[in-house]
Amino acid sequence: FKKILEVGIGTGAVAKIISKRIGPLTGIDISAEMISNINHPDIELILADVQALPFDSETFDLIYMRNVLHYIDQPEKGFSEICRCMKPKAYFLLSQVVPPDDSISEEYDWLVGRNIHYPTQTEIIDMFKDFSIIKRLEFILEKQSITNWLNNTCNDKAKKIEIVQRHRDTSDHYKSLAQYEETSGDIFVNIKHMLVLGQKRLLSR
């Protein structure tokens, strides 16, 4: 891959691994604070929104995005922009946290308590309409600490308490699906991820 783009580069942890194993890449993020903390000679950083990518059409051989979809206001528009910026037959790799089952999507969004929507597996597949899906798989990260997650993602003490209580109050159905366990003052749940590798479809003539 000669031209690689990471959408939502965040801390740059994944980009540093990719740049070491494959080569230089470009990373975008909407957070200037996040980008300011990355300093790597093989990573070009651009402050940008996936819904309006600042690149020419057919620029990249590979675009990847990890756990960003739930932050995008109009994910379909983001997918359209990603597709526009991909060369013919280029690849798009998506890794995304999803509800443990599509049937509890609304409850899962409430549980997270961030006024964001975690897409279901069905919604994600629908977004890949402009791609040929090469590989799709689901995997589980077992016994993930809610305390650790909140300490890394939330600075509001009252909000942390609220989200912990929501986990305690959630349905038995969710608790069963997530293998909910409460011990030593912490809550542990299984987190489901979906991985999809797509290839840009050639336009029919």
N, C-alpha and C. Protein backbone atom coordinates (compact mmCIF):
# COMPACT_ATOMS: atom_id res chain seq x y z
N PHE A 1 0.84 -1.19 0.00
CA PHE A 1 0.00 0.00 0.00
C PHE A 1 0.88 1.25 0.00
N LYS A 2 0.70 2.09 -1.00
CA LYS A 2 1.52 3.29 -1.11
C LYS A 2 0.89 4.50 -0.41
N LYS A 3 -0.44 4.55 -0.42
CA LYS A 3 -1.14 5.68 0.20
C LYS A 3 -2.17 5.14 1.19
N ILE A 4 -1.95 5.43 2.48
CA ILE A 4 -2.79 4.90 3.56
C ILE A 4 -3.37 6.05 4.36
N LEU A 5 -4.62 5.92 4.75
CA LEU A 5 -5.29 6.94 5.58
C LEU A 5 -5.94 6.27 6.78
N GLU A 6 -5.68 6.83 7.96
CA GLU A 6 -6.43 6.43 9.15
C GLU A 6 -7.44 7.53 9.47
N VAL A 7 -8.70 7.15 9.59
CA VAL A 7 -9.77 8.07 9.96
C VAL A 7 -9.97 8.00 11.47
N GLY A 8 -9.79 9.14 12.15
CA GLY A 8 -9.90 9.16 13.60
C GLY A 8 -8.65 8.60 14.24
N ILE A 9 -7.53 9.26 14.01
CA ILE A 9 -6.24 8.71 14.43
C ILE A 9 -6.07 8.71 15.95
N GLY A 10 -6.78 9.58 16.65
CA GLY A 10 -6.75 9.57 18.12
C GLY A 10 -5.36 9.77 18.68
N THR A 11 -4.90 8.82 19.50
CA THR A 11 -3.58 8.91 20.13
C THR A 11 -2.45 8.54 19.17
N GLY A 12 -2.81 7.95 18.05
CA GLY A 12 -1.80 7.54 17.08
C GLY A 12 -1.19 6.18 17.35
N ALA A 13 -1.72 5.46 18.34
CA ALA A 13 -1.15 4.17 18.72
C ALA A 13 -1.17 3.16 17.57
N VAL A 14 -2.30 3.06 16.89
CA VAL A 14 -2.41 2.11 15.77
C VAL A 14 -1.57 2.59 14.59
N ALA A 15 -1.61 3.89 14.32
CA ALA A 15 -0.87 4.44 13.18
C ALA A 15 0.63 4.19 13.31
N LYS A 16 1.15 4.25 14.51
CA LYS A 16 2.58 4.01 14.71
C LYS A 16 2.95 2.57 14.36
N ILE A 17 2.06 1.64 14.69
CA ILE A 17 2.30 0.23 14.35
C ILE A 17 2.23 0.03 12.84
N ILE A 18 1.20 0.63 12.22
CA ILE A 18 1.03 0.50 10.77
C ILE A 18 2.22 1.11 10.03
N SER A 19 2.66 2.28 10.47
CA SER A 19 3.77 2.95 9.78
C SER A 19 5.07 2.14 9.88
N LYS A 20 5.22 1.44 10.99
CA LYS A 20 6.43 0.62 11.18
C LYS A 20 6.38 -0.63 10.31
N ARG A 21 5.19 -1.22 10.18
CA ARG A 21 5.07 -2.49 9.46
C ARG A 21 4.87 -2.31 7.95
N ILE A 22 4.19 -1.22 7.57
CA ILE A 22 3.86 -1.04 6.15
C ILE A 22 4.55 0.16 5.53
N GLY A 23 4.49 1.31 6.23
CA GLY A 23 5.12 2.51 5.69
C GLY A 23 4.38 3.76 6.09
N PRO A 24 4.79 4.92 5.57
CA PRO A 24 4.19 6.21 5.94
C PRO A 24 2.69 6.24 5.66
N LEU A 25 2.00 7.05 6.44
CA LEU A 25 0.55 7.18 6.27
C LEU A 25 0.09 8.57 6.67
N THR A 26 -1.17 8.84 6.35
CA THR A 26 -1.83 10.09 6.74
C THR A 26 -2.89 9.76 7.78
N GLY A 27 -3.02 10.62 8.79
CA GLY A 27 -4.05 10.42 9.80
C GLY A 27 -4.86 11.69 9.99
N ILE A 28 -6.18 11.54 10.06
CA ILE A 28 -7.04 12.70 10.33
C ILE A 28 -7.77 12.51 11.65
N ASP A 29 -8.13 13.63 12.25
CA ASP A 29 -8.96 13.62 13.45
C ASP A 29 -9.63 14.99 13.57
N ILE A 30 -10.79 15.02 14.20
CA ILE A 30 -11.46 16.30 14.41
C ILE A 30 -10.97 16.99 15.67
N SER A 31 -10.13 16.29 16.45
CA SER A 31 -9.63 16.85 17.70
C SER A 31 -8.21 17.38 17.53
N ALA A 32 -8.07 18.69 17.62
CA ALA A 32 -6.74 19.30 17.54
C ALA A 32 -5.88 18.87 18.72
N GLU A 33 -6.52 18.67 19.86
CA GLU A 33 -5.78 18.25 21.06
C GLU A 33 -5.15 16.88 20.86
N MET A 34 -5.92 15.95 20.28
CA MET A 34 -5.39 14.61 20.02
C MET A 34 -4.20 14.67 19.07
N ILE A 35 -4.37 15.36 17.97
CA ILE A 35 -3.32 15.43 16.96
C ILE A 35 -2.05 16.09 17.50
N SER A 36 -2.22 17.07 18.38
CA SER A 36 -1.06 17.79 18.91
C SER A 36 -0.14 16.91 19.75
N ASN A 37 -0.66 15.77 20.20
CA ASN A 37 0.14 14.87 21.04
C ASN A 37 0.90 13.82 20.23
N ILE A 38 0.73 13.84 18.91
CA ILE A 38 1.40 12.86 18.05
C ILE A 38 2.58 13.53 17.34
N ASN A 39 3.73 12.91 17.45
CA ASN A 39 4.93 13.43 16.77
C ASN A 39 5.69 12.24 16.20
N HIS A 40 5.47 11.99 14.91
CA HIS A 40 6.09 10.82 14.28
C HIS A 40 6.48 11.18 12.85
N PRO A 41 7.71 10.88 12.46
CA PRO A 41 8.18 11.30 11.13
C PRO A 41 7.44 10.66 9.96
N ASP A 42 6.81 9.51 10.18
CA ASP A 42 6.14 8.81 9.09
C ASP A 42 4.62 8.97 9.10
N ILE A 43 4.13 9.90 9.93
CA ILE A 43 2.69 10.12 10.02
C ILE A 43 2.38 11.59 9.72
N GLU A 44 1.66 11.81 8.63
CA GLU A 44 1.19 13.16 8.29
C GLU A 44 -0.15 13.39 8.98
N LEU A 45 -0.26 14.47 9.74
CA LEU A 45 -1.45 14.74 10.54
C LEU A 45 -2.25 15.88 9.94
N ILE A 46 -3.56 15.66 9.83
CA ILE A 46 -4.45 16.68 9.28
C ILE A 46 -5.70 16.79 10.14
N LEU A 47 -6.04 18.00 10.53
CA LEU A 47 -7.28 18.25 11.27
C LEU A 47 -8.43 18.25 10.27
N ALA A 48 -9.29 17.25 10.34
CA ALA A 48 -10.35 17.13 9.33
C ALA A 48 -11.47 16.23 9.83
N ASP A 49 -12.62 16.37 9.16
CA ASP A 49 -13.83 15.60 9.45
C ASP A 49 -14.04 14.60 8.32
N VAL A 50 -14.32 13.36 8.67
CA VAL A 50 -14.53 12.33 7.64
C VAL A 50 -15.71 12.65 6.74
N GLN A 51 -16.63 13.49 7.21
CA GLN A 51 -17.80 13.84 6.41
C GLN A 51 -17.48 14.87 5.31
N ALA A 52 -16.24 15.40 5.35
CA ALA A 52 -15.78 16.34 4.32
C ALA A 52 -14.27 16.20 4.19
N LEU A 53 -13.83 15.10 3.63
CA LEU A 53 -12.40 14.82 3.55
C LEU A 53 -11.68 15.78 2.60
N PRO A 54 -10.54 16.33 3.04
CA PRO A 54 -9.82 17.32 2.23
C PRO A 54 -8.83 16.69 1.25
N PHE A 55 -9.28 15.66 0.54
CA PHE A 55 -8.40 14.95 -0.39
C PHE A 55 -9.06 14.84 -1.76
N ASP A 56 -8.23 14.73 -2.78
CA ASP A 56 -8.75 14.49 -4.12
C ASP A 56 -9.38 13.11 -4.21
N SER A 57 -10.26 12.93 -5.15
CA SER A 57 -10.84 11.61 -5.39
C SER A 57 -9.76 10.63 -5.82
N GLU A 58 -9.96 9.37 -5.45
CA GLU A 58 -9.07 8.27 -5.84
C GLU A 58 -7.63 8.52 -5.39
N THR A 59 -7.46 8.84 -4.10
CA THR A 59 -6.14 9.14 -3.55
C THR A 59 -5.50 7.94 -2.85
N PHE A 60 -6.30 7.15 -2.13
CA PHE A 60 -5.72 6.16 -1.21
C PHE A 60 -5.91 4.71 -1.67
N ASP A 61 -4.90 3.89 -1.32
CA ASP A 61 -4.96 2.45 -1.57
C ASP A 61 -5.64 1.71 -0.42
N LEU A 62 -5.51 2.28 0.78
CA LEU A 62 -6.09 1.67 1.98
C LEU A 62 -6.57 2.76 2.92
N ILE A 63 -7.80 2.64 3.39
CA ILE A 63 -8.33 3.51 4.44
C ILE A 63 -8.84 2.61 5.55
N TYR A 64 -8.50 2.95 6.79
CA TYR A 64 -9.02 2.17 7.91
C TYR A 64 -9.55 3.09 9.00
N MET A 65 -10.49 2.55 9.77
CA MET A 65 -11.17 3.34 10.80
C MET A 65 -11.50 2.41 11.97
N ARG A 66 -11.10 2.81 13.15
CA ARG A 66 -11.28 1.96 14.33
C ARG A 66 -12.06 2.70 15.42
N ASN A 67 -13.24 2.18 15.74
CA ASN A 67 -14.07 2.73 16.82
C ASN A 67 -14.28 4.24 16.71
N VAL A 68 -14.72 4.64 15.54
CA VAL A 68 -15.00 6.05 15.28
C VAL A 68 -16.45 6.26 14.87
N LEU A 69 -17.06 5.24 14.32
CA LEU A 69 -18.37 5.35 13.68
C LEU A 69 -19.43 5.97 14.59
N HIS A 70 -19.39 5.67 15.88
CA HIS A 70 -20.41 6.17 16.80
C HIS A 70 -20.26 7.67 17.10
N TYR A 71 -19.16 8.27 16.68
CA TYR A 71 -18.98 9.70 16.87
C TYR A 71 -19.37 10.52 15.64
N ILE A 72 -19.67 9.87 14.54
CA ILE A 72 -19.96 10.57 13.29
C ILE A 72 -21.45 10.90 13.20
N ASP A 73 -21.77 12.17 12.99
CA ASP A 73 -23.17 12.61 12.93
C ASP A 73 -23.92 11.94 11.78
N GLN A 74 -23.29 11.90 10.61
CA GLN A 74 -23.90 11.30 9.42
C GLN A 74 -22.96 10.23 8.86
N PRO A 75 -22.98 9.03 9.45
CA PRO A 75 -22.03 8.00 9.02
C PRO A 75 -22.12 7.63 7.55
N GLU A 76 -23.33 7.69 6.97
CA GLU A 76 -23.47 7.37 5.54
C GLU A 76 -22.67 8.37 4.69
N LYS A 77 -22.68 9.63 5.11
CA LYS A 77 -21.91 10.66 4.40
C LYS A 77 -20.42 10.38 4.55
N GLY A 78 -20.02 9.95 5.74
CA GLY A 78 -18.62 9.59 5.97
C GLY A 78 -18.18 8.45 5.07
N PHE A 79 -19.03 7.43 4.95
CA PHE A 79 -18.72 6.29 4.07
C PHE A 79 -18.61 6.74 2.62
N SER A 80 -19.49 7.65 2.21
CA SER A 80 -19.46 8.16 0.84
C SER A 80 -18.15 8.89 0.56
N GLU A 81 -17.70 9.68 1.52
CA GLU A 81 -16.44 10.41 1.37
C GLU A 81 -15.25 9.46 1.34
N ILE A 82 -15.29 8.44 2.19
CA ILE A 82 -14.22 7.44 2.19
C ILE A 82 -14.13 6.77 0.83
N CYS A 83 -15.29 6.37 0.31
CA CYS A 83 -15.33 5.71 -1.00
C CYS A 83 -14.80 6.64 -2.10
N ARG A 84 -15.16 7.91 -2.03
CA ARG A 84 -14.71 8.87 -3.04
C ARG A 84 -13.19 8.97 -3.07
N CYS A 85 -12.58 8.92 -1.91
CA CYS A 85 -11.13 9.13 -1.80
C CYS A 85 -10.31 7.87 -2.04
N MET A 86 -10.98 6.76 -2.30
CA MET A 86 -10.29 5.50 -2.54
C MET A 86 -10.05 5.27 -4.02
N LYS A 87 -8.88 4.75 -4.34
CA LYS A 87 -8.58 4.35 -5.71
C LYS A 87 -9.47 3.17 -6.10
N PRO A 88 -9.65 2.93 -7.40
CA PRO A 88 -10.38 1.74 -7.81
C PRO A 88 -9.75 0.47 -7.22
N LYS A 89 -10.59 -0.38 -6.67
CA LYS A 89 -10.16 -1.64 -6.04
C LYS A 89 -9.35 -1.43 -4.76
N ALA A 90 -9.36 -0.22 -4.20
CA ALA A 90 -8.70 0.02 -2.92
C ALA A 90 -9.50 -0.66 -1.80
N TYR A 91 -8.89 -0.74 -0.61
CA TYR A 91 -9.49 -1.45 0.51
C TYR A 91 -9.90 -0.50 1.63
N PHE A 92 -11.00 -0.85 2.29
CA PHE A 92 -11.47 -0.12 3.47
C PHE A 92 -11.66 -1.13 4.59
N LEU A 93 -10.96 -0.90 5.71
CA LEU A 93 -11.02 -1.79 6.87
C LEU A 93 -11.68 -1.05 8.02
N LEU A 94 -12.76 -1.62 8.54
CA LEU A 94 -13.50 -1.02 9.65
C LEU A 94 -13.48 -1.97 10.84
N SER A 95 -13.13 -1.45 12.00
CA SER A 95 -13.27 -2.17 13.26
C SER A 95 -14.11 -1.31 14.18
N GLN A 96 -15.18 -1.89 14.74
CA GLN A 96 -16.14 -1.08 15.47
C GLN A 96 -16.79 -1.87 16.60
N VAL A 97 -16.89 -1.24 17.78
CA VAL A 97 -17.69 -1.81 18.87
C VAL A 97 -19.15 -1.79 18.45
N VAL A 98 -19.84 -2.89 18.70
CA VAL A 98 -21.27 -2.99 18.37
C VAL A 98 -22.02 -3.55 19.57
N PRO A 99 -23.33 -3.31 19.65
CA PRO A 99 -24.13 -3.93 20.71
C PRO A 99 -23.98 -5.45 20.64
N PRO A 100 -24.09 -6.14 21.77
CA PRO A 100 -23.95 -7.60 21.76
C PRO A 100 -25.00 -8.30 20.89
N ASP A 101 -26.10 -7.61 20.63
CA ASP A 101 -27.13 -8.12 19.73
C ASP A 101 -27.90 -6.92 19.18
N ASP A 102 -28.29 -6.99 17.90
CA ASP A 102 -29.01 -5.87 17.28
C ASP A 102 -30.29 -5.52 18.02
N SER A 103 -30.90 -6.50 18.67
CA SER A 103 -32.20 -6.29 19.31
C SER A 103 -32.15 -5.36 20.51
N ILE A 104 -30.96 -5.13 21.07
CA ILE A 104 -30.86 -4.26 22.25
C ILE A 104 -30.10 -2.98 21.93
N SER A 105 -30.15 -2.55 20.69
CA SER A 105 -29.43 -1.35 20.25
C SER A 105 -29.78 -0.13 21.09
N GLU A 106 -31.07 0.11 21.27
CA GLU A 106 -31.51 1.30 22.00
C GLU A 106 -31.04 1.25 23.45
N GLU A 107 -31.14 0.09 24.06
CA GLU A 107 -30.70 -0.06 25.45
C GLU A 107 -29.20 0.14 25.57
N TYR A 108 -28.44 -0.33 24.59
CA TYR A 108 -26.99 -0.20 24.62
C TYR A 108 -26.57 1.27 24.55
N ASP A 109 -27.22 2.04 23.70
CA ASP A 109 -26.93 3.47 23.62
C ASP A 109 -27.23 4.17 24.94
N TRP A 110 -28.35 3.79 25.56
CA TRP A 110 -28.71 4.36 26.86
C TRP A 110 -27.68 3.99 27.91
N LEU A 111 -27.23 2.76 27.87
CA LEU A 111 -26.27 2.24 28.84
C LEU A 111 -24.96 3.01 28.81
N VAL A 112 -24.50 3.33 27.62
CA VAL A 112 -23.23 4.04 27.46
C VAL A 112 -23.34 5.48 27.96
N GLY A 113 -24.53 6.06 27.85
CA GLY A 113 -24.79 7.35 28.46
C GLY A 113 -24.07 8.53 27.86
N ARG A 114 -23.81 8.51 26.54
CA ARG A 114 -23.05 9.61 25.92
C ARG A 114 -23.82 10.33 24.82
N ASN A 115 -25.10 10.05 24.66
CA ASN A 115 -25.90 10.65 23.58
C ASN A 115 -25.30 10.39 22.21
N ILE A 116 -24.78 9.17 22.03
CA ILE A 116 -24.25 8.74 20.75
C ILE A 116 -24.87 7.39 20.40
N HIS A 117 -24.78 7.03 19.13
CA HIS A 117 -25.39 5.78 18.67
C HIS A 117 -24.31 4.80 18.22
N TYR A 118 -24.28 3.65 18.88
CA TYR A 118 -23.40 2.57 18.44
C TYR A 118 -24.12 1.78 17.36
N PRO A 119 -23.60 1.75 16.14
CA PRO A 119 -24.31 1.09 15.05
C PRO A 119 -24.43 -0.41 15.27
N THR A 120 -25.53 -0.96 14.79
CA THR A 120 -25.72 -2.40 14.85
C THR A 120 -24.96 -3.05 13.69
N GLN A 121 -24.84 -4.36 13.75
CA GLN A 121 -24.17 -5.08 12.66
C GLN A 121 -24.92 -4.89 11.35
N THR A 122 -26.25 -4.92 11.42
CA THR A 122 -27.06 -4.73 10.22
C THR A 122 -26.83 -3.35 9.61
N GLU A 123 -26.79 -2.32 10.46
CA GLU A 123 -26.56 -0.96 9.97
C GLU A 123 -25.20 -0.83 9.30
N ILE A 124 -24.20 -1.46 9.88
CA ILE A 124 -22.85 -1.39 9.31
C ILE A 124 -22.80 -2.04 7.93
N ILE A 125 -23.38 -3.21 7.81
CA ILE A 125 -23.39 -3.89 6.51
C ILE A 125 -24.12 -3.05 5.47
N ASP A 126 -25.20 -2.39 5.87
CA ASP A 126 -25.93 -1.52 4.94
C ASP A 126 -25.06 -0.37 4.45
N MET A 127 -24.15 0.11 5.31
CA MET A 127 -23.28 1.22 4.93
C MET A 127 -22.22 0.80 3.91
N PHE A 128 -21.99 -0.49 3.78
CA PHE A 128 -20.98 -0.99 2.85
C PHE A 128 -21.55 -1.23 1.45
N LYS A 129 -22.60 -0.51 1.11
CA LYS A 129 -23.28 -0.74 -0.18
C LYS A 129 -22.40 -0.45 -1.38
N ASP A 130 -21.41 0.43 -1.22
CA ASP A 130 -20.52 0.78 -2.34
C ASP A 130 -19.25 -0.07 -2.36
N PHE A 131 -19.22 -1.10 -1.52
CA PHE A 131 -18.04 -1.95 -1.41
C PHE A 131 -18.42 -3.41 -1.59
N SER A 132 -17.49 -4.18 -2.08
CA SER A 132 -17.62 -5.64 -2.06
C SER A 132 -17.00 -6.12 -0.75
N ILE A 133 -17.78 -6.79 0.07
CA ILE A 133 -17.28 -7.25 1.36
C ILE A 133 -16.43 -8.50 1.16
N ILE A 134 -15.17 -8.39 1.51
CA ILE A 134 -14.22 -9.49 1.35
C ILE A 134 -14.20 -10.37 2.59
N LYS A 135 -14.27 -9.73 3.75
CA LYS A 135 -14.24 -10.49 5.00
C LYS A 135 -15.04 -9.76 6.06
N ARG A 136 -15.76 -10.55 6.85
CA ARG A 136 -16.53 -10.00 7.96
C ARG A 136 -16.41 -10.97 9.12
N LEU A 137 -16.10 -10.43 10.29
CA LEU A 137 -16.04 -11.29 11.47
C LEU A 137 -16.38 -10.49 12.72
N GLU A 138 -16.78 -11.21 13.75
CA GLU A 138 -17.05 -10.61 15.04
C GLU A 138 -16.10 -11.24 16.06
N PHE A 139 -15.67 -10.44 17.02
CA PHE A 139 -14.85 -11.00 18.09
C PHE A 139 -15.21 -10.32 19.41
N ILE A 140 -14.88 -10.99 20.50
CA ILE A 140 -15.25 -10.53 21.84
C ILE A 140 -14.00 -10.21 22.65
N LEU A 141 -13.98 -9.04 23.27
CA LEU A 141 -12.99 -8.73 24.30
C LEU A 141 -13.64 -9.04 25.63
N GLU A 142 -13.13 -10.05 26.31
CA GLU A 142 -13.78 -10.56 27.50
C GLU A 142 -13.40 -9.78 28.76
N LYS A 143 -14.37 -9.71 29.67
CA LYS A 143 -14.18 -9.15 31.02
C LYS A 143 -13.48 -7.79 30.99
N GLN A 144 -14.10 -6.87 30.30
CA GLN A 144 -13.57 -5.50 30.23
C GLN A 144 -14.08 -4.68 31.41
N SER A 145 -13.18 -3.99 32.07
CA SER A 145 -13.52 -3.21 33.27
C SER A 145 -14.24 -1.91 32.91
N ILE A 146 -15.41 -1.73 33.48
CA ILE A 146 -16.15 -0.48 33.28
C ILE A 146 -15.41 0.68 33.95
N THR A 147 -14.81 0.44 35.09
CA THR A 147 -14.06 1.48 35.79
C THR A 147 -12.89 1.98 34.94
N ASN A 148 -12.13 1.06 34.38
CA ASN A 148 -11.00 1.46 33.52
C ASN A 148 -11.48 2.24 32.31
N TRP A 149 -12.57 1.76 31.69
CA TRP A 149 -13.12 2.44 30.51
C TRP A 149 -13.51 3.87 30.84
N LEU A 150 -14.21 4.06 31.97
CA LEU A 150 -14.66 5.40 32.34
C LEU A 150 -13.49 6.30 32.74
N ASN A 151 -12.50 5.74 33.41
CA ASN A 151 -11.34 6.54 33.80
C ASN A 151 -10.57 7.05 32.58
N ASN A 152 -10.63 6.30 31.49
CA ASN A 152 -9.92 6.69 30.27
C ASN A 152 -10.73 7.58 29.34
N THR A 153 -12.04 7.63 29.55
CA THR A 153 -12.89 8.34 28.57
C THR A 153 -13.80 9.40 29.17
N CYS A 154 -13.86 9.51 30.49
CA CYS A 154 -14.81 10.43 31.12
C CYS A 154 -14.17 11.15 32.30
N ASN A 155 -14.24 12.47 32.29
CA ASN A 155 -13.68 13.27 33.38
C ASN A 155 -14.74 13.78 34.36
N ASP A 156 -15.99 13.48 34.07
CA ASP A 156 -17.11 13.96 34.87
C ASP A 156 -17.47 12.91 35.92
N LYS A 157 -17.20 13.19 37.19
CA LYS A 157 -17.42 12.22 38.25
C LYS A 157 -18.89 11.82 38.36
N ALA A 158 -19.78 12.80 38.26
CA ALA A 158 -21.22 12.52 38.36
C ALA A 158 -21.67 11.63 37.20
N LYS A 159 -21.14 11.88 36.01
CA LYS A 159 -21.49 11.07 34.84
C LYS A 159 -20.98 9.64 35.01
N LYS A 160 -19.79 9.49 35.57
CA LYS A 160 -19.26 8.15 35.83
C LYS A 160 -20.20 7.36 36.75
N ILE A 161 -20.63 8.01 37.82
CA ILE A 161 -21.54 7.36 38.78
C ILE A 161 -22.84 6.97 38.09
N GLU A 162 -23.34 7.86 37.24
CA GLU A 162 -24.59 7.60 36.52
C GLU A 162 -24.46 6.39 35.60
N ILE A 163 -23.36 6.32 34.87
CA ILE A 163 -23.17 5.22 33.91
C ILE A 163 -22.99 3.89 34.63
N VAL A 164 -22.27 3.90 35.74
CA VAL A 164 -22.13 2.67 36.54
C VAL A 164 -23.49 2.19 37.02
N GLN A 165 -24.32 3.13 37.49
CA GLN A 165 -25.65 2.76 37.96
C GLN A 165 -26.51 2.23 36.81
N ARG A 166 -26.37 2.80 35.65
CA ARG A 166 -27.12 2.31 34.48
C ARG A 166 -26.75 0.85 34.19
N HIS A 167 -25.48 0.53 34.32
CA HIS A 167 -25.07 -0.86 34.12
C HIS A 167 -25.72 -1.78 35.15
N ARG A 168 -25.81 -1.31 36.36
CA ARG A 168 -26.45 -2.13 37.40
C ARG A 168 -27.95 -2.29 37.14
N ASP A 169 -28.56 -1.25 36.55
CA ASP A 169 -30.01 -1.25 36.35
C ASP A 169 -30.45 -1.86 35.02
N THR A 170 -29.50 -2.18 34.17
CA THR A 170 -29.86 -2.65 32.83
C THR A 170 -30.52 -4.03 32.88
N SER A 171 -31.06 -4.46 31.74
CA SER A 171 -31.88 -5.67 31.70
C SER A 171 -31.07 -6.95 31.91
N ASP A 172 -31.76 -7.96 32.36
CA ASP A 172 -31.12 -9.28 32.51
C ASP A 172 -30.67 -9.81 31.14
N HIS A 173 -31.40 -9.42 30.10
CA HIS A 173 -31.04 -9.87 28.75
C HIS A 173 -29.66 -9.34 28.36
N TYR A 174 -29.43 -8.04 28.59
CA TYR A 174 -28.11 -7.48 28.30
C TYR A 174 -27.05 -8.15 29.16
N LYS A 175 -27.33 -8.29 30.46
CA LYS A 175 -26.34 -8.87 31.37
C LYS A 175 -25.96 -10.28 30.95
N SER A 176 -26.92 -11.02 30.44
CA SER A 176 -26.63 -12.37 29.97
C SER A 176 -25.77 -12.34 28.71
N LEU A 177 -26.13 -11.47 27.76
CA LEU A 177 -25.37 -11.37 26.51
C LEU A 177 -23.93 -10.91 26.75
N ALA A 178 -23.76 -9.98 27.69
CA ALA A 178 -22.45 -9.39 27.95
C ALA A 178 -21.67 -10.13 29.03
N GLN A 179 -22.24 -11.20 29.56
CA GLN A 179 -21.59 -11.96 30.64
C GLN A 179 -21.21 -11.02 31.80
N TYR A 180 -22.20 -10.21 32.18
CA TYR A 180 -22.04 -9.20 33.22
C TYR A 180 -21.57 -9.83 34.53
N GLU A 181 -20.58 -9.18 35.14
CA GLU A 181 -20.06 -9.67 36.43
C GLU A 181 -19.66 -8.47 37.27
N GLU A 182 -20.08 -8.46 38.51
CA GLU A 182 -19.73 -7.37 39.42
C GLU A 182 -18.95 -7.94 40.59
N THR A 183 -17.73 -7.43 40.77
CA THR A 183 -16.88 -7.94 41.82
C THR A 183 -15.85 -6.89 42.22
N SER A 184 -15.49 -6.88 43.48
CA SER A 184 -14.45 -5.98 44.01
C SER A 184 -14.70 -4.52 43.65
N GLY A 185 -15.97 -4.12 43.66
CA GLY A 185 -16.33 -2.73 43.40
C GLY A 185 -16.26 -2.32 41.94
N ASP A 186 -16.11 -3.28 41.04
CA ASP A 186 -16.04 -2.97 39.62
C ASP A 186 -17.03 -3.86 38.86
N ILE A 187 -17.36 -3.43 37.64
CA ILE A 187 -18.24 -4.21 36.76
C ILE A 187 -17.42 -4.64 35.55
N PHE A 188 -17.58 -5.91 35.18
CA PHE A 188 -16.86 -6.45 34.03
C PHE A 188 -17.87 -6.98 33.02
N VAL A 189 -17.67 -6.63 31.76
CA VAL A 189 -18.57 -7.09 30.69
C VAL A 189 -17.74 -7.49 29.47
N ASN A 190 -18.33 -8.34 28.65
CA ASN A 190 -17.73 -8.66 27.35
C ASN A 190 -18.14 -7.60 26.34
N ILE A 191 -17.19 -7.15 25.54
CA ILE A 191 -17.45 -6.13 24.53
C ILE A 191 -17.32 -6.75 23.14
N LYS A 192 -18.36 -6.60 22.34
CA LYS A 192 -18.37 -7.19 21.00
C LYS A 192 -17.85 -6.20 19.97
N HIS A 193 -17.01 -6.69 19.09
CA HIS A 193 -16.46 -5.89 17.99
C HIS A 193 -16.82 -6.54 16.67
N MET A 194 -16.96 -5.70 15.66
CA MET A 194 -17.19 -6.18 14.30
C MET A 194 -16.06 -5.67 13.41
N LEU A 195 -15.52 -6.56 12.61
CA LEU A 195 -14.45 -6.22 11.68
C LEU A 195 -14.92 -6.51 10.27
N VAL A 196 -14.84 -5.50 9.40
CA VAL A 196 -15.27 -5.67 8.01
C VAL A 196 -14.18 -5.14 7.08
N LEU A 197 -13.80 -5.97 6.12
CA LEU A 197 -12.87 -5.56 5.08
C LEU A 197 -13.62 -5.48 3.76
N GLY A 198 -13.64 -4.29 3.18
CA GLY A 198 -14.34 -4.10 1.92
C GLY A 198 -13.40 -3.60 0.83
N GLN A 199 -13.79 -3.85 -0.40
CA GLN A 199 -13.03 -3.35 -1.55
C GLN A 199 -13.94 -2.48 -2.40
N LYS A 200 -13.42 -1.34 -2.82
CA LYS A 200 -14.23 -0.41 -3.61
C LYS A 200 -14.67 -1.07 -4.91
N ARG A 201 -15.95 -0.97 -5.17
CA ARG A 201 -16.49 -1.55 -6.40
C ARG A 201 -16.18 -0.66 -7.59
N LEU A 202 -15.90 -1.29 -8.71
CA LEU A 202 -15.71 -0.54 -9.94
C LEU A 202 -17.07 -0.13 -10.50
N LEU A 203 -17.17 1.08 -10.98
CA LEU A 203 -18.42 1.55 -11.57
C LEU A 203 -18.67 0.83 -12.88
N SER A 204 -19.90 0.37 -13.06
CA SER A 204 -20.25 -0.30 -14.32
C SER A 204 -20.37 0.73 -15.42
N ARG A 205 -19.95 0.37 -16.59
CA ARG A 205 -19.98 1.31 -17.72
C ARG A 205 -21.09 0.94 -18.70
